[in-house]
């Protein structure tokens, strides 16, 4: 199949990933290409060419027209990038469009496309995306949730076709039967207030074990106020790590502390920890309770540091093989790709739209296995 994937533009789809959505998008594109599909990922300039990249927004330059009047440059640039993309996709020669962007324009303009479009909902409802979805009148558009929790949140707004749970590359998060000799707890993810790192620091201090922290500092003010003052031998920030280094850090830990201060839509960090064999102590929020069972993790009362510390102490005694088994059972990327392939085939079989024009991207006629270099539209 010829598949267009629309990414968000806030971060490049490249390692080290800024967050779970970037990793998911990269995995979706590369695994579909590995199965022989002709995939084009529409993303920002610095994204990985191995995804089949066509760049639609340059991260380092601003559009000249209208910049002086724009009060929000990022909004201005994204709006025009997606507006142009949706116009061009009408002549793109694709069988299906997979919208992974979280932007309102692709869903609001879905009825202009001659091919079907599926949109994956990765977050709880928010005003911009909700408004775009309410404007959507395309009969050949369907919506998928990444968890039952997200399905429940969006169902009052739009019918959710099905749940396709996120997956991870289990091989890239290898199982560690024995953690590092020197015990420590681990926390990793985007360092922003809603991820609750300050609560993990407090809980680790109550448990009496060192805490190792990894991830991008996405909110420098939060990091300076809530994290940096606690750094030292007991609480150490090790940086924004690539896959290999991150899996070593996770696998060496005695337990992973997961501290969302919002309803986590899925929780890829939980899946990654489980794959490494690292038990999880987590706030019971959003989709996280559905990822853990009694053998792989312990749930804590949200925002309660004492409850989290108690969960961490109990998680230390769980069998690491049970954590890996849980990841294999519910978090395999191949299962995720199977789900999307089945949906694509179903949607294309049902679609009776107009004949598509000749593709404007000649590379689509080339070998489906050949890597596509980054280029601006």
Protein backbone atom coordinates (compact mmCIF):
# COMPACT_ATOMS: atom_id res chain seq x y z
CA UNK A 1 0.00 0.00 0.00
CA UNK A 2 0.97 3.63 -0.46
CA UNK A 3 0.61 5.20 2.98
CA UNK A 4 0.98 8.85 4.00
CA UNK A 5 1.67 9.46 7.68
CA UNK A 6 1.13 12.98 9.01
CA UNK A 7 3.32 13.76 12.01
CA UNK A 8 3.24 16.63 14.44
CA UNK A 9 5.85 19.34 13.85
CA UNK A 10 6.92 20.37 17.33
CA UNK A 11 9.82 17.91 17.50
CA UNK A 12 11.82 15.97 14.94
CA UNK A 13 10.99 12.29 14.52
CA UNK A 14 14.52 11.13 15.27
CA UNK A 15 16.54 9.64 18.12
CA UNK A 16 16.93 10.53 20.89
CA UNK A 17 13.18 10.99 20.85
CA UNK A 18 11.65 14.00 22.56
CA UNK A 19 8.86 11.80 23.89
CA UNK A 20 6.58 8.83 23.35
CA UNK A 21 4.68 10.27 20.36
CA UNK A 22 7.93 10.77 18.44
CA UNK A 23 9.01 7.19 19.15
CA UNK A 24 5.58 5.86 18.19
CA UNK A 25 5.57 7.75 14.88
CA UNK A 26 9.07 6.58 14.01
CA UNK A 27 8.20 2.97 14.84
CA UNK A 28 4.97 3.12 12.85
CA UNK A 29 6.71 4.43 9.72
CA UNK A 30 9.74 2.16 9.84
CA UNK A 31 7.82 -1.04 10.65
CA UNK A 32 5.31 -0.40 7.87
CA UNK A 33 8.19 0.15 5.44
CA UNK A 34 9.83 -3.05 6.66
CA UNK A 35 6.65 -4.91 5.70
CA UNK A 36 6.94 -3.64 2.12
CA UNK A 37 4.58 -0.68 2.18
CA UNK A 38 5.51 2.56 0.40
CA UNK A 39 5.40 5.01 3.31
CA UNK A 40 5.94 8.76 3.25
CA UNK A 41 6.23 10.51 6.61
CA UNK A 42 5.33 14.19 6.50
CA UNK A 43 7.26 15.70 9.38
CA UNK A 44 9.75 18.43 10.27
CA UNK A 45 13.08 18.89 8.53
CA UNK A 46 15.42 17.20 10.97
CA UNK A 47 13.46 13.97 11.16
CA UNK A 48 15.02 10.62 10.28
CA UNK A 49 15.20 9.95 6.48
CA UNK A 50 14.77 6.23 7.22
CA UNK A 51 11.09 6.93 7.92
CA UNK A 52 10.46 7.88 4.28
CA UNK A 53 10.63 11.55 5.18
CA UNK A 54 9.18 14.40 3.21
CA UNK A 55 9.77 17.58 5.22
CA UNK A 56 6.89 20.07 5.35
CA UNK A 57 8.19 22.54 7.92
CA UNK A 58 11.74 23.79 8.40
CA UNK A 59 12.54 23.99 12.10
CA UNK A 60 15.27 26.61 11.64
CA UNK A 61 13.58 29.22 9.43
CA UNK A 62 10.40 31.26 9.60
CA UNK A 63 8.05 31.96 6.75
CA UNK A 64 8.50 35.51 5.57
CA UNK A 65 4.86 36.37 4.89
CA UNK A 66 2.90 37.57 7.86
CA UNK A 67 5.49 36.89 10.55
CA UNK A 68 5.46 40.48 11.79
CA UNK A 69 1.74 40.21 12.59
CA UNK A 70 1.80 36.70 14.07
CA UNK A 71 1.56 36.55 17.85
CA UNK A 72 2.36 32.82 17.97
CA UNK A 73 5.02 31.92 15.41
CA UNK A 74 4.83 28.16 16.01
CA UNK A 75 1.05 28.18 15.52
CA UNK A 76 1.44 30.29 12.38
CA UNK A 77 4.02 27.98 10.84
CA UNK A 78 2.18 24.75 11.67
CA UNK A 79 -1.13 26.09 10.34
CA UNK A 80 0.37 26.93 6.96
CA UNK A 81 2.43 23.73 6.74
CA UNK A 82 -0.63 21.54 7.32
CA UNK A 83 -2.84 23.70 5.10
CA UNK A 84 -0.45 23.24 2.20
CA UNK A 85 0.01 19.54 2.92
CA UNK A 86 -3.72 18.81 2.90
CA UNK A 87 -4.05 20.61 -0.42
CA UNK A 88 -1.16 18.65 -1.93
CA UNK A 89 -2.33 15.29 -0.58
CA UNK A 90 -5.34 15.45 -2.90
CA UNK A 91 -2.91 14.72 -5.74
CA UNK A 92 -0.58 12.51 -3.72
CA UNK A 93 -1.51 9.11 -5.12
CA UNK A 94 -1.82 7.49 -1.70
CA UNK A 95 -4.11 4.62 -0.78
CA UNK A 96 -4.64 5.90 2.75
CA UNK A 97 -3.58 8.76 5.02
CA UNK A 98 -2.71 8.09 8.67
CA UNK A 99 -3.00 11.29 10.69
CA UNK A 100 -0.73 11.15 13.75
CA UNK A 101 -0.38 14.91 14.17
CA UNK A 102 -2.78 16.05 16.94
CA UNK A 103 -3.42 19.14 14.78
CA UNK A 104 -6.92 20.35 13.94
CA UNK A 105 -6.39 21.02 10.20
CA UNK A 106 -5.92 17.44 8.91
CA UNK A 107 -9.20 16.27 10.46
CA UNK A 108 -11.08 19.47 9.59
CA UNK A 109 -9.99 19.11 5.93
CA UNK A 110 -10.32 15.33 5.65
CA UNK A 111 -13.36 15.66 3.40
CA UNK A 112 -11.16 17.27 0.72
CA UNK A 113 -9.18 14.06 0.23
CA UNK A 114 -10.04 11.41 -2.37
CA UNK A 115 -8.62 8.66 -0.15
CA UNK A 116 -9.63 7.53 3.37
CA UNK A 117 -7.91 8.88 6.47
CA UNK A 118 -7.49 7.36 9.92
CA UNK A 119 -6.61 9.56 12.89
CA UNK A 120 -4.96 8.13 16.00
CA UNK A 121 -5.99 9.91 19.20
CA UNK A 122 -3.03 10.01 21.58
CA UNK A 123 -4.26 12.55 24.15
CA UNK A 124 -7.37 13.47 26.10
CA UNK A 125 -9.61 15.99 24.32
CA UNK A 126 -8.27 19.52 24.02
CA UNK A 127 -9.92 22.52 22.40
CA UNK A 128 -8.05 22.75 19.08
CA UNK A 129 -8.21 19.09 18.12
CA UNK A 130 -11.75 18.76 19.39
CA UNK A 131 -12.87 21.72 17.28
CA UNK A 132 -11.28 20.21 14.17
CA UNK A 133 -12.93 16.85 14.78
CA UNK A 134 -16.34 18.47 15.26
CA UNK A 135 -15.89 20.15 11.86
CA UNK A 136 -14.98 16.86 10.16
CA UNK A 137 -17.64 15.69 7.69
CA UNK A 138 -15.61 13.09 5.80
CA UNK A 139 -17.39 9.74 5.51
CA UNK A 140 -14.10 7.92 4.86
CA UNK A 141 -12.47 9.14 8.08
CA UNK A 142 -12.16 6.96 11.15
CA UNK A 143 -10.72 7.50 14.62
CA UNK A 144 -8.62 5.10 16.70
CA UNK A 145 -7.67 5.40 20.38
CA UNK A 146 -4.40 4.17 21.87
CA UNK A 147 -6.13 2.89 25.01
CA UNK A 148 -9.56 2.22 26.44
CA UNK A 149 -9.03 5.24 28.68
CA UNK A 150 -8.65 7.51 25.65
CA UNK A 151 -11.62 5.86 23.94
CA UNK A 152 -13.78 6.72 26.96
CA UNK A 153 -12.61 10.34 26.97
CA UNK A 154 -13.29 10.92 23.26
CA UNK A 155 -16.46 8.84 22.79
CA UNK A 156 -18.84 11.66 23.79
CA UNK A 157 -17.28 13.77 21.02
CA UNK A 158 -16.71 11.34 18.14
CA UNK A 159 -17.31 7.63 17.51
CA UNK A 160 -14.08 5.70 18.16
CA UNK A 161 -13.65 2.91 15.62
CA UNK A 162 -11.41 0.76 17.79
CA UNK A 163 -8.44 0.67 20.16
CA UNK A 164 -5.00 -0.06 18.74
CA UNK A 165 -2.64 -0.10 21.69
CA UNK A 166 0.79 1.41 21.26
CA UNK A 167 3.70 -0.98 20.97
CA UNK A 168 7.46 -0.89 21.41
CA UNK A 169 10.39 -2.65 19.80
CA UNK A 170 10.98 -5.33 22.41
CA UNK A 171 14.41 -6.14 20.95
CA UNK A 172 15.61 -2.61 21.65
CA UNK A 173 14.66 -2.90 25.32
CA UNK A 174 16.31 -6.24 26.18
CA UNK A 175 15.44 -8.18 29.28
CA UNK A 176 17.77 -7.92 32.28
CA UNK A 177 17.25 -10.83 34.67
CA UNK A 178 19.62 -9.26 37.22
CA UNK A 179 19.78 -5.50 37.89
CA UNK A 180 22.98 -3.59 38.64
CA UNK A 181 24.81 -4.57 41.81
CA UNK A 182 24.45 -1.07 43.26
CA UNK A 183 20.70 -0.58 43.75
CA UNK A 184 18.88 2.46 42.40
CA UNK A 185 15.43 3.55 41.22
CA UNK A 186 14.89 5.14 37.82
CA UNK A 187 12.63 7.86 36.44
CA UNK A 188 12.72 8.90 32.79
CA UNK A 189 10.65 10.91 30.35
CA UNK A 190 10.09 14.53 29.41
CA UNK A 191 10.99 16.75 32.34
CA UNK A 192 7.83 18.85 32.61
CA UNK A 193 5.44 19.49 35.52
CA UNK A 194 2.73 17.12 34.28
CA UNK A 195 5.13 14.16 34.42
CA UNK A 196 5.64 14.66 38.17
CA UNK A 197 9.38 14.12 38.55
CA UNK A 198 9.41 16.13 41.79
CA UNK A 199 7.10 13.52 43.32
CA UNK A 200 9.42 10.70 42.24
CA UNK A 201 12.34 12.49 43.90
CA UNK A 202 10.40 12.77 47.17
CA UNK A 203 9.30 9.13 47.04
CA UNK A 204 12.84 7.87 46.34
CA UNK A 205 14.07 9.79 49.37
CA UNK A 206 11.44 8.05 51.51
CA UNK A 207 12.43 4.64 50.15
CA UNK A 208 16.09 5.38 50.83
CA UNK A 209 17.42 4.40 47.39
CA UNK A 210 19.28 6.59 44.86
CA UNK A 211 17.26 7.91 41.93
CA UNK A 212 18.63 8.15 38.39
CA UNK A 213 16.85 10.55 36.03
CA UNK A 214 16.93 10.63 32.22
CA UNK A 215 15.08 12.62 29.59
CA UNK A 216 14.92 15.97 27.81
CA UNK A 217 14.55 19.10 29.93
CA UNK A 218 11.46 20.38 28.15
CA UNK A 219 10.61 22.92 30.86
CA UNK A 220 13.83 24.59 32.08
CA UNK A 221 12.01 26.67 34.69
CA UNK A 222 10.45 23.57 36.25
CA UNK A 223 13.79 21.76 36.18
CA UNK A 224 15.55 24.70 37.86
CA UNK A 225 12.94 25.08 40.59
CA UNK A 226 11.83 21.51 41.33
CA UNK A 227 14.66 19.21 40.22
CA UNK A 228 18.08 20.90 40.24
CA UNK A 229 18.04 21.75 43.99
CA UNK A 230 17.81 18.03 44.82
CA UNK A 231 20.63 16.84 42.56
CA UNK A 232 23.63 15.14 44.13
CA UNK A 233 24.87 11.63 44.74
CA UNK A 234 21.42 10.38 45.76
CA UNK A 235 19.54 12.09 42.91
CA UNK A 236 21.44 12.20 39.63
CA UNK A 237 20.38 13.52 36.21
CA UNK A 238 22.20 11.53 33.50
CA UNK A 239 20.93 13.42 30.44
CA UNK A 240 18.77 12.73 27.40
CA UNK A 241 19.89 9.25 26.36
CA UNK A 242 19.65 7.31 23.12
CA UNK A 243 17.89 3.95 23.00
CA UNK A 244 20.91 1.82 23.86
CA UNK A 245 22.02 3.87 26.86
CA UNK A 246 18.45 4.30 28.07
CA UNK A 247 17.72 0.57 28.03
CA UNK A 248 20.87 -0.08 30.06
CA UNK A 249 19.80 2.50 32.63
CA UNK A 250 16.25 1.12 32.88
CA UNK A 251 17.31 -2.52 32.98
CA UNK A 252 19.83 -1.86 35.73
CA UNK A 253 17.25 -0.31 38.07
CA UNK A 254 15.42 -2.11 40.86
CA UNK A 255 12.14 -0.35 39.99
CA UNK A 256 10.78 2.41 37.77
CA UNK A 257 8.79 5.27 39.30
CA UNK A 258 6.00 6.54 37.03
CA UNK A 259 4.42 9.74 38.33
CA UNK A 260 1.96 11.33 35.88
CA UNK A 261 0.04 14.33 37.17
CA UNK A 262 -2.51 13.97 34.37
CA UNK A 263 -4.51 11.10 32.86
CA UNK A 264 -1.73 9.35 30.97
CA UNK A 265 -3.13 8.30 27.55
CA UNK A 266 -1.01 5.16 27.33
CA UNK A 267 2.37 5.14 29.06
CA UNK A 268 5.13 4.00 26.70
CA UNK A 269 7.66 4.46 29.50
CA UNK A 270 5.84 1.76 31.45
CA UNK A 271 6.00 -0.61 28.48
CA UNK A 272 9.73 0.03 28.09
CA UNK A 273 10.45 -0.63 31.75
CA UNK A 274 8.46 -3.86 31.68
CA UNK A 275 10.34 -5.01 28.57
CA UNK A 276 13.62 -4.58 30.44
CA UNK A 277 12.27 -6.62 33.35
CA UNK A 278 12.08 -3.63 35.67
CA UNK A 279 9.01 -3.63 37.94
CA UNK A 280 6.93 -0.46 38.02
CA UNK A 281 5.55 1.66 40.85
CA UNK A 282 3.06 4.07 39.30
CA UNK A 283 0.26 6.47 40.04
CA UNK A 284 -3.05 4.89 39.02
CA UNK A 285 -3.94 7.38 36.31
CA UNK A 286 -5.29 7.13 32.78
CA UNK A 287 -4.29 3.97 30.92
CA UNK A 288 -1.51 2.91 33.30
CA UNK A 289 -3.63 0.52 35.40
CA UNK A 290 -4.42 -1.42 32.21
CA UNK A 291 -0.71 -1.96 31.51
CA UNK A 292 0.21 -3.43 34.87
CA UNK A 293 -0.83 -6.63 36.57
CA UNK A 294 -0.04 -7.96 40.03
CA UNK A 295 3.20 -9.55 38.87
CA UNK A 296 4.67 -6.57 37.04
CA UNK A 297 3.81 -3.47 39.05
CA UNK A 298 2.19 -1.79 42.01
CA UNK A 299 -0.28 1.08 41.72
CA UNK A 300 -0.23 4.09 44.04
CA UNK A 301 -2.74 6.79 44.89
CA UNK A 302 -2.23 9.70 42.46
CA UNK A 303 -0.12 12.58 43.83
CA UNK A 304 0.47 10.73 47.12
CA UNK A 305 4.21 10.49 47.78
CA UNK A 306 3.84 8.10 50.72
CA UNK A 307 1.65 5.78 48.66
CA UNK A 308 4.20 5.85 45.83
CA UNK A 309 7.05 5.08 48.23
CA UNK A 310 5.11 2.12 49.58
CA UNK A 311 4.39 0.91 46.04
CA UNK A 312 8.10 1.18 45.22
CA UNK A 313 9.08 -0.91 48.25
CA UNK A 314 6.62 -3.60 47.19
CA UNK A 315 7.75 -3.47 43.55
CA UNK A 316 11.33 -4.26 44.64
CA UNK A 317 10.19 -7.80 45.51
CA UNK A 318 8.44 -8.61 42.22
CA UNK A 319 9.85 -11.24 39.84
CA UNK A 320 11.54 -9.47 36.93
CA UNK A 321 10.58 -12.25 34.51
CA UNK A 322 6.92 -11.44 35.12
CA UNK A 323 7.51 -7.87 34.00
CA UNK A 324 9.08 -9.01 30.75
CA UNK A 325 6.27 -11.51 30.19
CA UNK A 326 3.72 -8.72 30.61
CA UNK A 327 5.49 -6.59 27.98
CA UNK A 328 5.63 -9.47 25.51
CA UNK A 329 1.93 -10.13 26.03
CA UNK A 330 0.57 -6.61 25.53
CA UNK A 331 3.28 -4.22 24.25
CA UNK A 332 4.76 -5.81 21.11
CA UNK A 333 5.06 -3.39 18.17
CA UNK A 334 4.23 -6.16 15.71
CA UNK A 335 0.78 -6.50 17.27
CA UNK A 336 0.27 -2.75 16.85
CA UNK A 337 1.28 -2.87 13.17
CA UNK A 338 -1.01 -5.87 12.61
CA UNK A 339 -3.88 -3.79 13.96
CA UNK A 340 -3.20 -0.83 11.71
CA UNK A 341 -2.66 -2.97 8.62
CA UNK A 342 -6.01 -4.66 9.16
CA UNK A 343 -7.70 -1.28 9.56
CA UNK A 344 -6.04 0.14 6.43
CA UNK A 345 -7.16 -2.84 4.36
CA UNK A 346 -10.70 -2.62 5.72
CA UNK A 347 -10.96 1.11 5.02
CA UNK A 348 -9.56 0.84 1.50
CA UNK A 349 -11.91 -2.04 0.68
CA UNK A 350 -14.89 0.04 1.79
CA UNK A 351 -13.76 3.22 0.06
CA UNK A 352 -15.57 4.10 -3.16
CA UNK A 353 -14.10 7.55 -3.71
CA UNK A 354 -13.11 9.19 -6.97
CA UNK A 355 -10.17 8.05 -9.07
CA UNK A 356 -6.97 9.53 -7.72
CA UNK A 357 -4.89 11.78 -9.99
CA UNK A 358 -1.34 11.02 -11.03
CA UNK A 359 1.00 11.27 -8.00
CA UNK A 360 2.86 14.56 -7.65
CA UNK A 361 5.70 12.76 -5.84
CA UNK A 362 7.39 10.64 -8.53
CA UNK A 363 9.38 8.81 -5.86
CA UNK A 364 6.21 6.95 -4.95
CA UNK A 365 6.64 4.87 -8.09
CA UNK A 366 10.15 3.89 -7.08
CA UNK A 367 11.16 0.82 -5.12
CA UNK A 368 9.17 0.54 -1.90
CA UNK A 369 12.24 -0.55 0.00
CA UNK A 370 14.46 2.35 -1.10
CA UNK A 371 15.08 5.01 1.58
CA UNK A 372 13.65 8.42 0.78
CA UNK A 373 15.83 11.43 1.53
CA UNK A 374 14.48 14.45 3.35
CA UNK A 375 13.23 17.21 1.11
CA UNK A 376 11.00 20.23 1.51
CA UNK A 377 7.74 20.40 -0.40
